[in-house]
């Protein structure tokens, strides 16, 4: 299922769908894009964390970072 597919082949599949299904395709594409943004953000955070001098990471700083991440997650999940 994760076989690479060309943009042209994907467009042909989309064009073969009834028009009432296109909204579902768009929603799924949005979902995949959001997943990719989260994955990239996580990777950037891990890389940034690895570059930070470990002696500067006090428990207080770690707690502040954790609280900031939780606040962002809450704001994103709020309706």
N, C-alpha and C. Protein backbone atom coordinates (compact mmCIF):
# COMPACT_ATOMS: atom_id res chain seq x y z
N UNK A 1 0.82 -1.20 0.00
CA UNK A 1 0.00 0.00 0.00
C UNK A 1 0.85 1.25 0.00
N UNK A 2 2.05 1.19 0.54
CA UNK A 2 2.94 2.34 0.55
C UNK A 2 3.83 2.37 -0.68
N UNK A 3 3.38 1.74 -1.75
CA UNK A 3 4.13 1.73 -2.99
C UNK A 3 4.15 3.14 -3.56
N UNK A 4 5.31 3.62 -4.00
CA UNK A 4 5.35 4.96 -4.59
C UNK A 4 4.41 5.08 -5.78
N UNK A 5 3.81 6.25 -5.91
CA UNK A 5 2.88 6.50 -7.00
C UNK A 5 3.18 7.88 -7.56
N UNK A 6 3.09 7.99 -8.86
CA UNK A 6 3.37 9.28 -9.48
C UNK A 6 2.18 10.22 -9.28
N UNK A 7 2.44 11.51 -9.37
CA UNK A 7 1.37 12.50 -9.25
C UNK A 7 0.33 12.28 -10.33
N UNK A 8 0.77 11.93 -11.52
CA UNK A 8 -0.16 11.70 -12.62
C UNK A 8 -1.09 10.53 -12.34
N UNK A 9 -0.53 9.43 -11.79
CA UNK A 9 -1.35 8.26 -11.47
C UNK A 9 -2.34 8.60 -10.36
N UNK A 10 -1.89 9.38 -9.38
CA UNK A 10 -2.79 9.77 -8.30
C UNK A 10 -3.91 10.66 -8.82
N UNK A 11 -3.57 11.61 -9.68
CA UNK A 11 -4.61 12.47 -10.28
C UNK A 11 -5.61 11.66 -11.09
N UNK A 12 -5.14 10.65 -11.78
CA UNK A 12 -6.05 9.79 -12.56
C UNK A 12 -7.03 9.08 -11.63
N UNK A 13 -6.55 8.62 -10.49
CA UNK A 13 -7.44 7.97 -9.52
C UNK A 13 -8.46 8.96 -8.97
N UNK A 14 -8.00 10.17 -8.67
CA UNK A 14 -8.92 11.18 -8.14
C UNK A 14 -9.98 11.53 -9.18
N UNK A 15 -9.56 11.69 -10.42
CA UNK A 15 -10.50 12.04 -11.49
C UNK A 15 -11.53 10.95 -11.72
N UNK A 16 -11.20 9.72 -11.37
CA UNK A 16 -12.12 8.60 -11.56
C UNK A 16 -13.20 8.55 -10.48
N UNK A 17 -13.01 9.30 -9.40
CA UNK A 17 -13.98 9.30 -8.30
C UNK A 17 -15.19 10.18 -8.64
N UNK A 18 -16.34 9.82 -8.08
CA UNK A 18 -17.50 10.70 -8.22
C UNK A 18 -17.22 12.03 -7.49
N UNK A 19 -17.78 13.10 -7.97
CA UNK A 19 -17.50 14.43 -7.41
C UNK A 19 -17.84 14.53 -5.92
N UNK A 20 -18.85 13.78 -5.48
CA UNK A 20 -19.22 13.85 -4.06
C UNK A 20 -18.16 13.24 -3.14
N UNK A 21 -17.21 12.52 -3.68
CA UNK A 21 -16.12 11.92 -2.88
C UNK A 21 -14.91 12.85 -2.75
N UNK A 22 -14.84 13.89 -3.55
CA UNK A 22 -13.66 14.75 -3.58
C UNK A 22 -13.44 15.46 -2.25
N UNK A 23 -14.49 15.79 -1.54
CA UNK A 23 -14.34 16.40 -0.23
C UNK A 23 -13.63 15.48 0.74
N UNK A 24 -13.94 14.19 0.67
CA UNK A 24 -13.27 13.21 1.53
C UNK A 24 -11.78 13.12 1.19
N UNK A 25 -11.48 13.17 -0.09
CA UNK A 25 -10.08 13.13 -0.51
C UNK A 25 -9.36 14.36 0.02
N UNK A 26 -9.97 15.52 -0.11
CA UNK A 26 -9.35 16.76 0.38
C UNK A 26 -9.15 16.69 1.89
N UNK A 27 -10.13 16.18 2.62
CA UNK A 27 -10.00 16.05 4.08
C UNK A 27 -8.84 15.13 4.44
N UNK A 28 -8.70 14.03 3.71
CA UNK A 28 -7.61 13.09 3.99
C UNK A 28 -6.26 13.71 3.68
N UNK A 29 -6.18 14.47 2.60
CA UNK A 29 -4.93 15.16 2.27
C UNK A 29 -4.57 16.15 3.37
N UNK A 30 -5.57 16.89 3.87
CA UNK A 30 -5.33 17.81 4.98
C UNK A 30 -4.83 17.07 6.22
N UNK A 31 -5.42 15.92 6.50
CA UNK A 31 -5.00 15.09 7.63
C UNK A 31 -3.54 14.66 7.48
N UNK A 32 -3.19 14.18 6.29
CA UNK A 32 -1.82 13.75 6.05
C UNK A 32 -0.84 14.92 6.16
N UNK A 33 -1.23 16.07 5.66
CA UNK A 33 -0.37 17.25 5.74
C UNK A 33 -0.15 17.66 7.20
N UNK A 34 -1.19 17.59 8.01
CA UNK A 34 -1.07 17.93 9.43
C UNK A 34 -0.14 16.94 10.13
N UNK A 35 -0.27 15.67 9.80
CA UNK A 35 0.62 14.65 10.37
C UNK A 35 2.06 14.94 10.02
N UNK A 36 2.30 15.32 8.78
CA UNK A 36 3.66 15.62 8.33
C UNK A 36 4.22 16.85 9.04
N UNK A 37 3.39 17.86 9.23
CA UNK A 37 3.84 19.06 9.96
C UNK A 37 4.21 18.70 11.40
N UNK A 38 3.40 17.86 12.04
CA UNK A 38 3.71 17.43 13.42
C UNK A 38 5.00 16.62 13.47
N UNK A 39 5.18 15.75 12.48
CA UNK A 39 6.39 14.94 12.44
C UNK A 39 7.62 15.83 12.27
N UNK A 40 7.53 16.78 11.36
CA UNK A 40 8.66 17.69 11.14
C UNK A 40 8.94 18.54 12.38
N UNK A 41 7.89 19.03 13.02
CA UNK A 41 8.08 19.85 14.22
C UNK A 41 8.74 19.03 15.32
N UNK A 42 8.33 17.78 15.48
CA UNK A 42 8.94 16.90 16.48
C UNK A 42 10.40 16.66 16.17
N UNK A 43 10.70 16.44 14.91
CA UNK A 43 12.10 16.21 14.51
C UNK A 43 12.94 17.46 14.79
N UNK A 44 12.41 18.63 14.46
CA UNK A 44 13.14 19.88 14.72
C UNK A 44 13.36 20.07 16.22
N UNK A 45 12.36 19.75 17.02
CA UNK A 45 12.50 19.88 18.47
C UNK A 45 13.57 18.93 19.01
N UNK A 46 13.57 17.69 18.52
CA UNK A 46 14.59 16.73 18.96
C UNK A 46 15.99 17.20 18.57
N UNK A 47 16.13 17.75 17.36
CA UNK A 47 17.44 18.24 16.91
C UNK A 47 17.88 19.44 17.74
N UNK A 48 16.95 20.34 18.03
CA UNK A 48 17.27 21.51 18.84
C UNK A 48 17.67 21.07 20.25
N UNK A 49 16.93 20.14 20.81
CA UNK A 49 17.20 19.63 22.15
C UNK A 49 18.60 19.02 22.21
N UNK A 50 18.98 18.29 21.18
CA UNK A 50 20.29 17.64 21.15
C UNK A 50 21.42 18.66 21.08
N UNK A 51 21.15 19.82 20.47
CA UNK A 51 22.19 20.85 20.37
C UNK A 51 22.34 21.68 21.64
N UNK A 52 21.35 21.63 22.52
CA UNK A 52 21.41 22.42 23.75
C UNK A 52 22.46 21.86 24.69
N UNK A 53 23.29 22.75 25.25
CA UNK A 53 24.25 22.26 26.24
C UNK A 53 23.51 21.65 27.43
N UNK A 54 23.83 20.40 27.73
CA UNK A 54 23.10 19.67 28.77
C UNK A 54 23.23 20.30 30.14
N UNK A 55 24.34 20.99 30.40
CA UNK A 55 24.50 21.61 31.72
C UNK A 55 23.53 22.77 31.93
N UNK A 56 22.97 23.29 30.84
CA UNK A 56 22.02 24.40 30.96
C UNK A 56 20.59 23.91 31.16
N UNK A 57 20.34 22.62 31.03
CA UNK A 57 18.99 22.07 31.16
C UNK A 57 18.69 21.76 32.62
N UNK A 58 18.21 22.75 33.31
CA UNK A 58 17.83 22.55 34.71
C UNK A 58 16.44 21.93 34.75
N UNK A 59 16.07 21.32 35.85
CA UNK A 59 14.71 20.79 35.97
C UNK A 59 13.65 21.88 35.75
N UNK A 60 13.93 23.10 36.18
CA UNK A 60 12.98 24.20 35.98
C UNK A 60 12.79 24.49 34.50
N UNK A 61 13.88 24.53 33.72
CA UNK A 61 13.78 24.77 32.28
C UNK A 61 13.01 23.64 31.62
N UNK A 62 13.31 22.41 32.00
CA UNK A 62 12.59 21.27 31.42
C UNK A 62 11.10 21.36 31.73
N UNK A 63 10.75 21.78 32.94
CA UNK A 63 9.35 21.91 33.31
C UNK A 63 8.68 23.02 32.49
N UNK A 64 9.37 24.13 32.28
CA UNK A 64 8.83 25.23 31.49
C UNK A 64 8.58 24.79 30.04
N UNK A 65 9.53 24.04 29.49
CA UNK A 65 9.37 23.53 28.12
C UNK A 65 8.17 22.59 28.06
N UNK A 66 8.07 21.69 29.03
CA UNK A 66 6.96 20.75 29.07
C UNK A 66 5.62 21.48 29.16
N UNK A 67 5.55 22.49 30.00
CA UNK A 67 4.32 23.27 30.14
C UNK A 67 3.97 24.00 28.85
N UNK A 68 4.97 24.54 28.17
CA UNK A 68 4.73 25.24 26.91
C UNK A 68 4.20 24.28 25.84
N UNK A 69 4.79 23.09 25.77
CA UNK A 69 4.33 22.09 24.80
C UNK A 69 2.89 21.69 25.11
N UNK A 70 2.58 21.45 26.37
CA UNK A 70 1.22 21.06 26.76
C UNK A 70 0.21 22.18 26.43
N UNK A 71 0.61 23.43 26.63
CA UNK A 71 -0.29 24.55 26.33
C UNK A 71 -0.59 24.61 24.84
N UNK A 72 0.42 24.41 24.01
CA UNK A 72 0.21 24.41 22.56
C UNK A 72 -0.71 23.26 22.16
N UNK A 73 -0.48 22.10 22.73
CA UNK A 73 -1.33 20.95 22.40
C UNK A 73 -2.78 21.20 22.81
N UNK A 74 -2.98 21.80 24.02
CA UNK A 74 -4.35 22.11 24.46
C UNK A 74 -5.01 23.10 23.50
N UNK A 75 -4.27 24.12 23.09
CA UNK A 75 -4.86 25.13 22.20
C UNK A 75 -5.23 24.55 20.86
N UNK A 76 -4.45 23.58 20.39
CA UNK A 76 -4.75 22.95 19.09
C UNK A 76 -5.95 22.00 19.18
N UNK A 77 -6.16 21.42 20.35
CA UNK A 77 -7.28 20.46 20.48
C UNK A 77 -8.56 21.14 20.89
N UNK A 78 -8.48 22.41 21.30
CA UNK A 78 -9.69 23.14 21.71
C UNK A 78 -10.55 23.45 20.48
N UNK A 79 -11.88 23.36 20.64
CA UNK A 79 -12.77 23.62 19.49
C UNK A 79 -12.77 25.06 19.06
